Amino acid sequence: MGMSTLLITAYAKAPQNTSMYENNKYAGIVLEIHKESHIIINAEFTFLTKLAQDFFKRMIVGYDFSKDINPLIEEITTVFLAPSQQAVIVALKIAHQRYEDRLREINKK
């Protein structure tokens, strides 16, 4: 049974005195990525509102996660004006690093 996708999670500490911190303590992301195309096919975030969850899902689904994520981070800094912006970016960077590490591991075999 070979799954065609993999799931990556990453978390970063949410800024204090925000609703995200009060409810979760962390900004979290969960990404489902197609193994061959490296395209993010589904995503969830630990935002409190459905609008924020939907906004980020629309922004990130379809992105090739094997590529440089700086353009995605630049877009986040431009369109996501909230106290938790940096926590979201850190979580995304952690997920991306985890994915790159996995790709290197696969390529060594």
PDB file of N, CA and C in Angstrom:
ATOM      1  N   MET A   1       0.849  -1.186   0.000  1.00  0.00           N
ATOM      2  CA  MET A   1       0.000   0.000   0.000  1.00  0.00           C
ATOM      3  C   MET A   1       0.888   1.240   0.000  1.00  0.00           C
ATOM      4  N   GLY A   2       1.044   1.854  -1.121  1.00  0.00           N
ATOM      5  CA  GLY A   2       1.894   3.031  -1.214  1.00  0.00           C
ATOM      6  C   GLY A   2       1.078   4.303  -1.367  1.00  0.00           C
ATOM      7  N   MET A   3       1.131   5.124  -0.361  1.00  0.00           N
ATOM      8  CA  MET A   3       0.442   6.416  -0.421  1.00  0.00           C
ATOM      9  C   MET A   3       1.153   7.311  -1.425  1.00  0.00           C
ATOM     10  N   SER A   4       0.409   8.086  -2.170  1.00  0.00           N
ATOM     11  CA  SER A   4       1.007   9.010  -3.137  1.00  0.00           C
ATOM     12  C   SER A   4       1.303  10.371  -2.509  1.00  0.00           C
ATOM     13  N   THR A   5       0.894  10.549  -1.253  1.00  0.00           N
ATOM     14  CA  THR A   5       1.134  11.811  -0.565  1.00  0.00           C
ATOM     15  C   THR A   5       1.808  11.566   0.771  1.00  0.00           C
ATOM     16  N   LEU A   6       2.352  12.629   1.322  1.00  0.00           N
ATOM     17  CA  LEU A   6       2.878  12.557   2.686  1.00  0.00           C
ATOM     18  C   LEU A   6       2.364  13.757   3.466  1.00  0.00           C
ATOM     19  N   LEU A   7       2.406  13.630   4.784  1.00  0.00           N
ATOM     20  CA  LEU A   7       1.880  14.660   5.676  1.00  0.00           C
ATOM     21  C   LEU A   7       3.027  15.218   6.504  1.00  0.00           C
ATOM     22  N   ILE A   8       3.132  16.533   6.522  1.00  0.00           N
ATOM     23  CA  ILE A   8       4.169  17.206   7.299  1.00  0.00           C
ATOM     24  C   ILE A   8       3.488  18.182   8.247  1.00  0.00           C
ATOM     25  N   THR A   9       3.952  18.192   9.489  1.00  0.00           N
ATOM     26  CA  THR A   9       3.450  19.157  10.460  1.00  0.00           C
ATOM     27  C   THR A   9       4.613  19.988  10.987  1.00  0.00           C
ATOM     28  N   ALA A  10       4.303  21.199  11.396  1.00  0.00           N
ATOM     29  CA  ALA A  10       5.315  22.066  12.001  1.00  0.00           C
ATOM     30  C   ALA A  10       4.610  23.088  12.885  1.00  0.00           C
ATOM     31  N   TYR A  11       5.314  23.488  13.925  1.00  0.00           N
ATOM     32  CA  TYR A  11       4.747  24.418  14.900  1.00  0.00           C
ATOM     33  C   TYR A  11       5.780  25.462  15.283  1.00  0.00           C
ATOM     34  N   ALA A  12       5.291  26.638  15.643  1.00  0.00           N
ATOM     35  CA  ALA A  12       6.129  27.713  16.165  1.00  0.00           C
ATOM     36  C   ALA A  12       5.342  28.403  17.268  1.00  0.00           C
ATOM     37  N   LYS A  13       6.034  28.913  18.240  1.00  0.00           N
ATOM     38  CA  LYS A  13       5.369  29.560  19.371  1.00  0.00           C
ATOM     39  C   LYS A  13       4.603  30.797  18.896  1.00  0.00           C
ATOM     40  N   ALA A  14       3.361  30.875  19.309  1.00  0.00           N
ATOM     41  CA  ALA A  14       2.525  32.029  18.965  1.00  0.00           C
ATOM     42  C   ALA A  14       2.917  33.219  19.836  1.00  0.00           C
ATOM     43  N   PRO A  15       2.735  34.422  19.336  1.00  0.00           N
ATOM     44  CA  PRO A  15       3.063  35.591  20.144  1.00  0.00           C
ATOM     45  C   PRO A  15       2.109  35.722  21.335  1.00  0.00           C
ATOM     46  N   GLN A  16       2.668  36.084  22.464  1.00  0.00           N
ATOM     47  CA  GLN A  16       1.852  36.248  23.667  1.00  0.00           C
ATOM     48  C   GLN A  16       0.858  37.386  23.482  1.00  0.00           C
ATOM     49  N   ASN A  17      -0.209  37.324  24.267  1.00  0.00           N
ATOM     50  CA  ASN A  17      -1.282  38.327  24.240  1.00  0.00           C
ATOM     51  C   ASN A  17      -2.055  38.331  22.925  1.00  0.00           C
ATOM     52  N   THR A  18      -2.087  37.172  22.266  1.00  0.00           N
ATOM     53  CA  THR A  18      -2.925  37.020  21.077  1.00  0.00           C
ATOM     54  C   THR A  18      -3.892  35.876  21.337  1.00  0.00           C
ATOM     55  N   SER A  19      -4.981  35.845  20.616  1.00  0.00           N
ATOM     56  CA  SER A  19      -5.945  34.756  20.778  1.00  0.00           C
ATOM     57  C   SER A  19      -5.330  33.415  20.394  1.00  0.00           C
ATOM     58  N   MET A  20      -4.412  33.424  19.424  1.00  0.00           N
ATOM     59  CA  MET A  20      -3.755  32.184  19.038  1.00  0.00           C
ATOM     60  C   MET A  20      -2.966  31.625  20.221  1.00  0.00           C
ATOM     61  N   TYR A  21      -2.261  32.493  20.913  1.00  0.00           N
ATOM     62  CA  TYR A  21      -1.470  32.052  22.062  1.00  0.00           C
ATOM     63  C   TYR A  21      -2.390  31.573  23.186  1.00  0.00           C
ATOM     64  N   GLU A  22      -3.440  32.312  23.456  1.00  0.00           N
ATOM     65  CA  GLU A  22      -4.345  31.965  24.550  1.00  0.00           C
ATOM     66  C   GLU A  22      -5.030  30.619  24.312  1.00  0.00           C
ATOM     67  N   ASN A  23      -5.301  30.287  23.070  1.00  0.00           N
ATOM     68  CA  ASN A  23      -6.012  29.043  22.758  1.00  0.00           C
ATOM     69  C   ASN A  23      -5.092  27.868  22.446  1.00  0.00           C
ATOM     70  N   ASN A  24      -3.998  28.113  21.754  1.00  0.00           N
ATOM     71  CA  ASN A  24      -3.163  27.011  21.280  1.00  0.00           C
ATOM     72  C   ASN A  24      -1.717  27.063  21.744  1.00  0.00           C
ATOM     73  N   LYS A  25      -1.230  28.237  22.075  1.00  0.00           N
ATOM     74  CA  LYS A  25       0.172  28.477  22.428  1.00  0.00           C
ATOM     75  C   LYS A  25       1.098  28.404  21.215  1.00  0.00           C
ATOM     76  N   TYR A  26       0.659  27.754  20.143  1.00  0.00           N
ATOM     77  CA  TYR A  26       1.498  27.566  18.960  1.00  0.00           C
ATOM     78  C   TYR A  26       0.730  27.864  17.680  1.00  0.00           C
ATOM     79  N   ALA A  27       1.476  28.289  16.683  1.00  0.00           N
ATOM     80  CA  ALA A  27       0.957  28.352  15.319  1.00  0.00           C
ATOM     81  C   ALA A  27       1.356  27.037  14.680  1.00  0.00           C
ATOM     82  N   GLY A  28       0.398  26.326  14.169  1.00  0.00           N
ATOM     83  CA  GLY A  28       0.693  25.038  13.570  1.00  0.00           C
ATOM     84  C   GLY A  28       0.203  24.952  12.147  1.00  0.00           C
ATOM     85  N   ILE A  29       0.948  24.202  11.344  1.00  0.00           N
ATOM     86  CA  ILE A  29       0.524  23.931   9.981  1.00  0.00           C
ATOM     87  C   ILE A  29       0.632  22.435   9.723  1.00  0.00           C
ATOM     88  N   VAL A  30      -0.271  21.954   8.921  1.00  0.00           N
ATOM     89  CA  VAL A  30      -0.259  20.562   8.475  1.00  0.00           C
ATOM     90  C   VAL A  30      -0.401  20.609   6.959  1.00  0.00           C
ATOM     91  N   LEU A  31       0.545  19.993   6.280  1.00  0.00           N
ATOM     92  CA  LEU A  31       0.557  20.032   4.821  1.00  0.00           C
ATOM     93  C   LEU A  31       0.534  18.616   4.258  1.00  0.00           C
ATOM     94  N   GLU A  32      -0.344  18.397   3.289  1.00  0.00           N
ATOM     95  CA  GLU A  32      -0.345  17.141   2.540  1.00  0.00           C
ATOM     96  C   GLU A  32       0.280  17.453   1.183  1.00  0.00           C
ATOM     97  N   ILE A  33       1.357  16.720   0.877  1.00  0.00           N
ATOM     98  CA  ILE A  33       2.138  17.009  -0.319  1.00  0.00           C
ATOM     99  C   ILE A  33       2.222  15.768  -1.194  1.00  0.00           C
ATOM    100  N   HIS A  34       1.995  15.964  -2.486  1.00  0.00           N
ATOM    101  CA  HIS A  34       2.123  14.865  -3.441  1.00  0.00           C
ATOM    102  C   HIS A  34       3.602  14.517  -3.567  1.00  0.00           C
ATOM    103  N   LYS A  35       3.943  13.252  -3.404  1.00  0.00           N
ATOM    104  CA  LYS A  35       5.341  12.820  -3.362  1.00  0.00           C
ATOM    105  C   LYS A  35       6.101  13.065  -4.663  1.00  0.00           C
ATOM    106  N   GLU A  36       5.446  12.884  -5.790  1.00  0.00           N
ATOM    107  CA  GLU A  36       6.156  13.014  -7.071  1.00  0.00           C
ATOM    108  C   GLU A  36       6.196  14.443  -7.587  1.00  0.00           C
ATOM    109  N   SER A  37       5.095  15.167  -7.460  1.00  0.00           N
ATOM    110  CA  SER A  37       5.053  16.533  -8.004  1.00  0.00           C
ATOM    111  C   SER A  37       5.495  17.577  -6.990  1.00  0.00           C
ATOM    112  N   HIS A  38       5.521  17.207  -5.710  1.00  0.00           N
ATOM    113  CA  HIS A  38       5.886  18.110  -4.613  1.00  0.00           C
ATOM    114  C   HIS A  38       4.874  19.230  -4.407  1.00  0.00           C
ATOM    115  N   ILE A  39       3.713  19.091  -4.988  1.00  0.00           N
ATOM    116  CA  ILE A  39       2.667  20.107  -4.889  1.00  0.00           C
ATOM    117  C   ILE A  39       1.879  19.907  -3.595  1.00  0.00           C
ATOM    118  N   ILE A  40       1.642  21.011  -2.885  1.00  0.00           N
ATOM    119  CA  ILE A  40       0.796  20.961  -1.689  1.00  0.00           C
ATOM    120  C   ILE A  40      -0.635  20.791  -2.176  1.00  0.00           C
ATOM    121  N   ILE A  41      -1.269  19.693  -1.756  1.00  0.00           N
ATOM    122  CA  ILE A  41      -2.629  19.433  -2.228  1.00  0.00           C
ATOM    123  C   ILE A  41      -3.681  19.714  -1.158  1.00  0.00           C
ATOM    124  N   ASN A  42      -3.240  19.851   0.100  1.00  0.00           N
ATOM    125  CA  ASN A  42      -4.174  20.195   1.170  1.00  0.00           C
ATOM    126  C   ASN A  42      -3.380  20.812   2.302  1.00  0.00           C
ATOM    127  N   ALA A  43      -4.029  21.667   3.078  1.00  0.00           N
ATOM    128  CA  ALA A  43      -3.337  22.349   4.164  1.00  0.00           C
ATOM    129  C   ALA A  43      -4.325  22.741   5.254  1.00  0.00           C
ATOM    130  N   GLU A  44      -3.842  22.689   6.492  1.00  0.00           N
ATOM    131  CA  GLU A  44      -4.610  23.174   7.637  1.00  0.00           C
ATOM    132  C   GLU A  44      -3.709  24.014   8.510  1.00  0.00           C
ATOM    133  N   PHE A  45      -4.308  24.989   9.153  1.00  0.00           N
ATOM    134  CA  PHE A  45      -3.586  25.886  10.042  1.00  0.00           C
ATOM    135  C   PHE A  45      -4.360  26.019  11.348  1.00  0.00           C
ATOM    136  N   THR A  46      -3.679  26.357  12.417  1.00  0.00           N
ATOM    137  CA  THR A  46      -4.336  26.457  13.726  1.00  0.00           C
ATOM    138  C   THR A  46      -4.903  27.848  13.999  1.00  0.00           C
ATOM    139  N   PHE A  47      -5.432  28.476  12.975  1.00  0.00           N
ATOM    140  CA  PHE A  47      -6.084  29.764  13.177  1.00  0.00           C
ATOM    141  C   PHE A  47      -7.437  29.553  13.824  1.00  0.00           C
ATOM    142  N   LEU A  48      -7.893  30.556  14.547  1.00  0.00           N
ATOM    143  CA  LEU A  48      -9.173  30.438  15.235  1.00  0.00           C
ATOM    144  C   LEU A  48     -10.355  30.647  14.301  1.00  0.00           C
ATOM    145  N   THR A  49     -10.191  31.465  13.288  1.00  0.00           N
ATOM    146  CA  THR A  49     -11.320  31.759  12.411  1.00  0.00           C
ATOM    147  C   THR A  49     -11.256  30.925  11.135  1.00  0.00           C
ATOM    148  N   LYS A  50     -12.404  30.571  10.643  1.00  0.00           N
ATOM    149  CA  LYS A  50     -12.481  29.822   9.396  1.00  0.00           C
ATOM    150  C   LYS A  50     -11.985  30.665   8.222  1.00  0.00           C
ATOM    151  N   LEU A  51     -12.190  31.975   8.298  1.00  0.00           N
ATOM    152  CA  LEU A  51     -11.728  32.852   7.225  1.00  0.00           C
ATOM    153  C   LEU A  51     -10.205  32.801   7.099  1.00  0.00           C
ATOM    154  N   ALA A  52      -9.507  32.900   8.226  1.00  0.00           N
ATOM    155  CA  ALA A  52      -8.043  32.839   8.190  1.00  0.00           C
ATOM    156  C   ALA A  52      -7.571  31.477   7.703  1.00  0.00           C
ATOM    157  N   GLN A  53      -8.220  30.413   8.153  1.00  0.00           N
ATOM    158  CA  GLN A  53      -7.854  29.066   7.711  1.00  0.00           C
ATOM    159  C   GLN A  53      -8.038  28.936   6.209  1.00  0.00           C
ATOM    160  N   ASP A  54      -9.173  29.416   5.702  1.00  0.00           N
ATOM    161  CA  ASP A  54      -9.467  29.337   4.274  1.00  0.00           C
ATOM    162  C   ASP A  54      -8.509  30.209   3.466  1.00  0.00           C
ATOM    163  N   PHE A  55      -8.205  31.395   3.960  1.00  0.00           N
ATOM    164  CA  PHE A  55      -7.309  32.322   3.288  1.00  0.00           C
ATOM    165  C   PHE A  55      -5.945  31.682   3.055  1.00  0.00           C
ATOM    166  N   PHE A  56      -5.386  31.086   4.116  1.00  0.00           N
ATOM    167  CA  PHE A  56      -4.073  30.466   3.983  1.00  0.00           C
ATOM    168  C   PHE A  56      -4.115  29.209   3.132  1.00  0.00           C
ATOM    169  N   LYS A  57      -5.179  28.476   3.244  1.00  0.00           N
ATOM    170  CA  LYS A  57      -5.300  27.268   2.426  1.00  0.00           C
ATOM    171  C   LYS A  57      -5.285  27.640   0.948  1.00  0.00           C
ATOM    172  N   ARG A  58      -6.038  28.678   0.580  1.00  0.00           N
ATOM    173  CA  ARG A  58      -6.059  29.110  -0.814  1.00  0.00           C
ATOM    174  C   ARG A  58      -4.702  29.638  -1.259  1.00  0.00           C
ATOM    175  N   MET A  59      -3.964  30.246  -0.342  1.00  0.00           N
ATOM    176  CA  MET A  59      -2.659  30.794  -0.691  1.00  0.00           C
ATOM    177  C   MET A  59      -1.619  29.701  -0.930  1.00  0.00           C
ATOM    178  N   ILE A  60      -1.707  28.616  -0.190  1.00  0.00           N
ATOM    179  CA  ILE A  60      -0.614  27.635  -0.184  1.00  0.00           C
ATOM    180  C   ILE A  60      -0.891  26.387  -1.024  1.00  0.00           C
ATOM    181  N   VAL A  61      -2.151  25.988  -1.159  1.00  0.00           N
ATOM    182  CA  VAL A  61      -2.458  24.805  -1.967  1.00  0.00           C
ATOM    183  C   VAL A  61      -2.074  25.091  -3.418  1.00  0.00           C
ATOM    184  N   GLY A  62      -1.359  24.148  -4.009  1.00  0.00           N
ATOM    185  CA  GLY A  62      -0.888  24.295  -5.383  1.00  0.00           C
ATOM    186  C   GLY A  62       0.568  24.715  -5.468  1.00  0.00           C
ATOM    187  N   TYR A  63       1.160  25.081  -4.324  1.00  0.00           N
ATOM    188  CA  TYR A  63       2.560  25.524  -4.307  1.00  0.00           C
ATOM    189  C   TYR A  63       3.490  24.316  -4.378  1.00  0.00           C
ATOM    190  N   ASP A  64       4.533  24.422  -5.177  1.00  0.00           N
ATOM    191  CA  ASP A  64       5.541  23.362  -5.284  1.00  0.00           C
ATOM    192  C   ASP A  64       6.491  23.504  -4.098  1.00  0.00           C
ATOM    193  N   PHE A  65       6.379  22.605  -3.132  1.00  0.00           N
ATOM    194  CA  PHE A  65       7.119  22.719  -1.878  1.00  0.00           C
ATOM    195  C   PHE A  65       8.577  22.303  -2.011  1.00  0.00           C
ATOM    196  N   SER A  66       8.974  21.831  -3.192  1.00  0.00           N
ATOM    197  CA  SER A  66      10.380  21.512  -3.404  1.00  0.00           C
ATOM    198  C   SER A  66      11.162  22.762  -3.835  1.00  0.00           C
ATOM    199  N   LYS A  67      10.451  23.814  -4.139  1.00  0.00           N
ATOM    200  CA  LYS A  67      11.072  25.064  -4.594  1.00  0.00           C
ATOM    201  C   LYS A  67      11.361  25.984  -3.409  1.00  0.00           C
ATOM    202  N   ASP A  68      12.054  27.055  -3.697  1.00  0.00           N
ATOM    203  CA  ASP A  68      12.331  28.107  -2.716  1.00  0.00           C
ATOM    204  C   ASP A  68      11.003  28.676  -2.204  1.00  0.00           C
ATOM    205  N   ILE A  69      10.878  28.808  -0.894  1.00  0.00           N
ATOM    206  CA  ILE A  69       9.622  29.332  -0.348  1.00  0.00           C
ATOM    207  C   ILE A  69       9.671  30.837  -0.090  1.00  0.00           C
ATOM    208  N   ASN A  70      10.759  31.484  -0.430  1.00  0.00           N
ATOM    209  CA  ASN A  70      10.840  32.934  -0.209  1.00  0.00           C
ATOM    210  C   ASN A  70       9.732  33.722  -0.908  1.00  0.00           C
ATOM    211  N   PRO A  71       9.343  33.376  -2.150  1.00  0.00           N
ATOM    212  CA  PRO A  71       8.218  34.099  -2.750  1.00  0.00           C
ATOM    213  C   PRO A  71       6.921  33.929  -1.942  1.00  0.00           C
ATOM    214  N   LEU A  72       6.708  32.757  -1.402  1.00  0.00           N
ATOM    215  CA  LEU A  72       5.531  32.515  -0.572  1.00  0.00           C
ATOM    216  C   LEU A  72       5.614  33.327   0.724  1.00  0.00           C
ATOM    217  N   ILE A  73       6.778  33.370   1.325  1.00  0.00           N
ATOM    218  CA  ILE A  73       6.966  34.149   2.552  1.00  0.00           C
ATOM    219  C   ILE A  73       6.763  35.636   2.276  1.00  0.00           C
ATOM    220  N   GLU A  74       7.262  36.118   1.150  1.00  0.00           N
ATOM    221  CA  GLU A  74       7.049  37.522   0.783  1.00  0.00           C
ATOM    222  C   GLU A  74       5.567  37.835   0.635  1.00  0.00           C
ATOM    223  N   GLU A  75       4.832  36.900   0.034  1.00  0.00           N
ATOM    224  CA  GLU A  75       3.389  37.108  -0.116  1.00  0.00           C
ATOM    225  C   GLU A  75       2.714  37.143   1.251  1.00  0.00           C
ATOM    226  N   ILE A  76       3.115  36.261   2.143  1.00  0.00           N
ATOM    227  CA  ILE A  76       2.542  36.244   3.495  1.00  0.00           C
ATOM    228  C   ILE A  76       2.792  37.584   4.188  1.00  0.00           C
ATOM    229  N   THR A  77       4.002  38.107   4.092  1.00  0.00           N
ATOM    230  CA  THR A  77       4.304  39.380   4.760  1.00  0.00           C
ATOM    231  C   THR A  77       3.526  40.541   4.146  1.00  0.00           C
ATOM    232  N   THR A  78       3.127  40.392   2.889  1.00  0.00           N
ATOM    233  CA  THR A  78       2.379  41.445   2.212  1.00  0.00           C
ATOM    234  C   THR A  78       0.884  41.392   2.514  1.00  0.00           C
ATOM    235  N   VAL A  79       0.336  40.179   2.609  1.00  0.00           N
ATOM    236  CA  VAL A  79      -1.131  40.063   2.697  1.00  0.00           C
ATOM    237  C   VAL A  79      -1.659  39.599   4.053  1.00  0.00           C
ATOM    238  N   PHE A  80      -0.784  39.172   4.941  1.00  0.00           N
ATOM    239  CA  PHE A  80      -1.230  38.690   6.253  1.00  0.00           C
ATOM    240  C   PHE A  80      -0.701  39.635   7.325  1.00  0.00           C
ATOM    241  N   LEU A  81      -1.522  40.589   7.702  1.00  0.00           N
ATOM    242  CA  LEU A  81      -1.115  41.627   8.635  1.00  0.00           C
ATOM    243  C   LEU A  81      -1.720  41.333   9.999  1.00  0.00           C
ATOM    244  N   ALA A  82      -1.020  40.489  10.755  1.00  0.00           N
ATOM    245  CA  ALA A  82      -1.514  40.060  12.059  1.00  0.00           C
ATOM    246  C   ALA A  82      -0.327  39.822  12.988  1.00  0.00           C
ATOM    247  N   PRO A  83      -0.564  39.857  14.292  1.00  0.00           N
ATOM    248  CA  PRO A  83       0.531  39.623  15.240  1.00  0.00           C
ATOM    249  C   PRO A  83       1.186  38.252  15.083  1.00  0.00           C
ATOM    250  N   SER A  84       0.465  37.281  14.578  1.00  0.00           N
ATOM    251  CA  SER A  84       0.998  35.923  14.450  1.00  0.00           C
ATOM    252  C   SER A  84       1.739  35.691  13.138  1.00  0.00           C
ATOM    253  N   GLN A  85       1.964  36.739  12.359  1.00  0.00           N
ATOM    254  CA  GLN A  85       2.614  36.605  11.059  1.00  0.00           C
ATOM    255  C   GLN A  85       3.952  35.862  11.158  1.00  0.00           C
ATOM    256  N   GLN A  86       4.815  36.275  12.057  1.00  0.00           N
ATOM    257  CA  GLN A  86       6.136  35.659  12.162  1.00  0.00           C
ATOM    258  C   GLN A  86       6.049  34.200  12.605  1.00  0.00           C
ATOM    259  N   ALA A  87       5.128  33.888  13.498  1.00  0.00           N
ATOM    260  CA  ALA A  87       4.970  32.500  13.939  1.00  0.00           C
ATOM    261  C   ALA A  87       4.562  31.614  12.772  1.00  0.00           C
ATOM    262  N   VAL A  88       3.685  32.099  11.928  1.00  0.00           N
ATOM    263  CA  VAL A  88       3.250  31.341  10.752  1.00  0.00           C
ATOM    264  C   VAL A  88       4.434  31.130   9.808  1.00  0.00           C
ATOM    265  N   ILE A  89       5.227  32.168   9.608  1.00  0.00           N
ATOM    266  CA  ILE A  89       6.388  32.064   8.726  1.00  0.00           C
ATOM    267  C   ILE A  89       7.402  31.067   9.285  1.00  0.00           C
ATOM    268  N   VAL A  90       7.645  31.119  10.589  1.00  0.00           N
ATOM    269  CA  VAL A  90       8.587  30.179  11.212  1.00  0.00           C
ATOM    270  C   VAL A  90       8.090  28.744  11.043  1.00  0.00           C
ATOM    271  N   ALA A  91       6.810  28.510  11.294  1.00  0.00           N
ATOM    272  CA  ALA A  91       6.260  27.161  11.141  1.00  0.00           C
ATOM    273  C   ALA A  91       6.401  26.687   9.688  1.00  0.00           C
ATOM    274  N   LEU A  92       6.140  27.571   8.745  1.00  0.00           N
ATOM    275  CA  LEU A  92       6.279  27.220   7.334  1.00  0.00           C
ATOM    276  C   LEU A  92       7.731  26.876   6.995  1.00  0.00           C
ATOM    277  N   LYS A  93       8.671  27.652   7.511  1.00  0.00           N
ATOM    278  CA  LYS A  93      10.090  27.373   7.267  1.00  0.00           C
ATOM    279  C   LYS A  93      10.507  26.029   7.868  1.00  0.00           C
ATOM    280  N   ILE A  94      10.005  25.719   9.052  1.00  0.00           N
ATOM    281  CA  ILE A  94      10.309  24.434   9.685  1.00  0.00           C
ATOM    282  C   ILE A  94       9.761  23.289   8.834  1.00  0.00           C
ATOM    283  N   ALA A  95       8.524  23.427   8.363  1.00  0.00           N
ATOM    284  CA  ALA A  95       7.926  22.392   7.511  1.00  0.00           C
ATOM    285  C   ALA A  95       8.732  22.227   6.230  1.00  0.00           C
ATOM    286  N   HIS A  96       9.152  23.332   5.646  1.00  0.00           N
ATOM    287  CA  HIS A  96       9.924  23.275   4.402  1.00  0.00           C
ATOM    288  C   HIS A  96      11.272  22.594   4.625  1.00  0.00           C
ATOM    289  N   GLN A  97      11.938  22.924   5.728  1.00  0.00           N
ATOM    290  CA  GLN A  97      13.219  22.285   6.038  1.00  0.00           C
ATOM    291  C   GLN A  97      13.043  20.792   6.252  1.00  0.00           C
ATOM    292  N   ARG A  98      11.971  20.425   6.941  1.00  0.00           N
ATOM    293  CA  ARG A  98      11.674  19.007   7.171  1.00  0.00           C
ATOM    294  C   ARG A  98      11.457  18.292   5.839  1.00  0.00           C
ATOM    295  N   TYR A  99      10.765  18.954   4.917  1.00  0.00           N
ATOM    296  CA  TYR A  99      10.512  18.361   3.605  1.00  0.00           C
ATOM    297  C   TYR A  99      11.810  18.222   2.811  1.00  0.00           C
ATOM    298  N   GLU A 100      12.636  19.258   2.813  1.00  0.00           N
ATOM    299  CA  GLU A 100      13.921  19.178   2.110  1.00  0.00           C
ATOM    300  C   GLU A 100      14.795  18.066   2.686  1.00  0.00           C
ATOM    301  N   ASP A 101      14.814  17.927   4.001  1.00  0.00           N
ATOM    302  CA  ASP A 101      15.585  16.851   4.634  1.00  0.00           C
ATOM    303  C   ASP A 101      15.087  15.491   4.154  1.00  0.00           C
ATOM    304  N   ARG A 102      13.782  15.340   4.047  1.00  0.00           N
ATOM    305  CA  ARG A 102      13.200  14.079   3.586  1.00  0.00           C
ATOM    306  C   ARG A 102      13.589  13.803   2.134  1.00  0.00           C
ATOM    307  N   LEU A 103      13.569  14.830   1.294  1.00  0.00           N
ATOM    308  CA  LEU A 103      13.960  14.648  -0.109  1.00  0.00           C
ATOM    309  C   LEU A 103      15.419  14.223  -0.213  1.00  0.00           C
ATOM    310  N   ARG A 104      16.294  14.833   0.576  1.00  0.00           N
ATOM    311  CA  ARG A 104      17.708  14.444   0.568  1.00  0.00           C
ATOM    312  C   ARG A 104      17.873  13.000   1.014  1.00  0.00           C
ATOM    313  N   GLU A 105      17.116  12.615   2.025  1.00  0.00           N
ATOM    314  CA  GLU A 105      17.170  11.243   2.537  1.00  0.00           C
ATOM    315  C   GLU A 105      16.739  10.241   1.460  1.00  0.00           C
ATOM    316  N   ILE A 106      15.696  10.571   0.736  1.00  0.00           N
ATOM    317  CA  ILE A 106      15.195   9.698  -0.334  1.00  0.00           C
ATOM    318  C   ILE A 106      16.225   9.606  -1.460  1.00  0.00           C
ATOM    319  N   ASN A 107      16.839  10.736  -1.797  1.00  0.00           N
ATOM    320  CA  ASN A 107      17.799  10.761  -2.905  1.00  0.00           C
ATOM    321  C   ASN A 107      19.078  10.004  -2.589  1.00  0.00           C
ATOM    322  N   LYS A 108      19.411   9.804  -1.314  1.00  0.00           N
ATOM    323  CA  LYS A 108      20.601   9.045  -0.918  1.00  0.00           C
ATOM    324  C   LYS A 108      20.410   7.553  -1.157  1.00  0.00           C
ATOM    325  N   LYS A 109      19.181   7.107  -1.158  1.00  0.00           N
ATOM    326  CA  LYS A 109      18.906   5.656  -1.300  1.00  0.00           C
ATOM    327  C   LYS A 109      19.149   5.187  -2.693  1.00  0.00           C
TER     328      LYS A 109
END
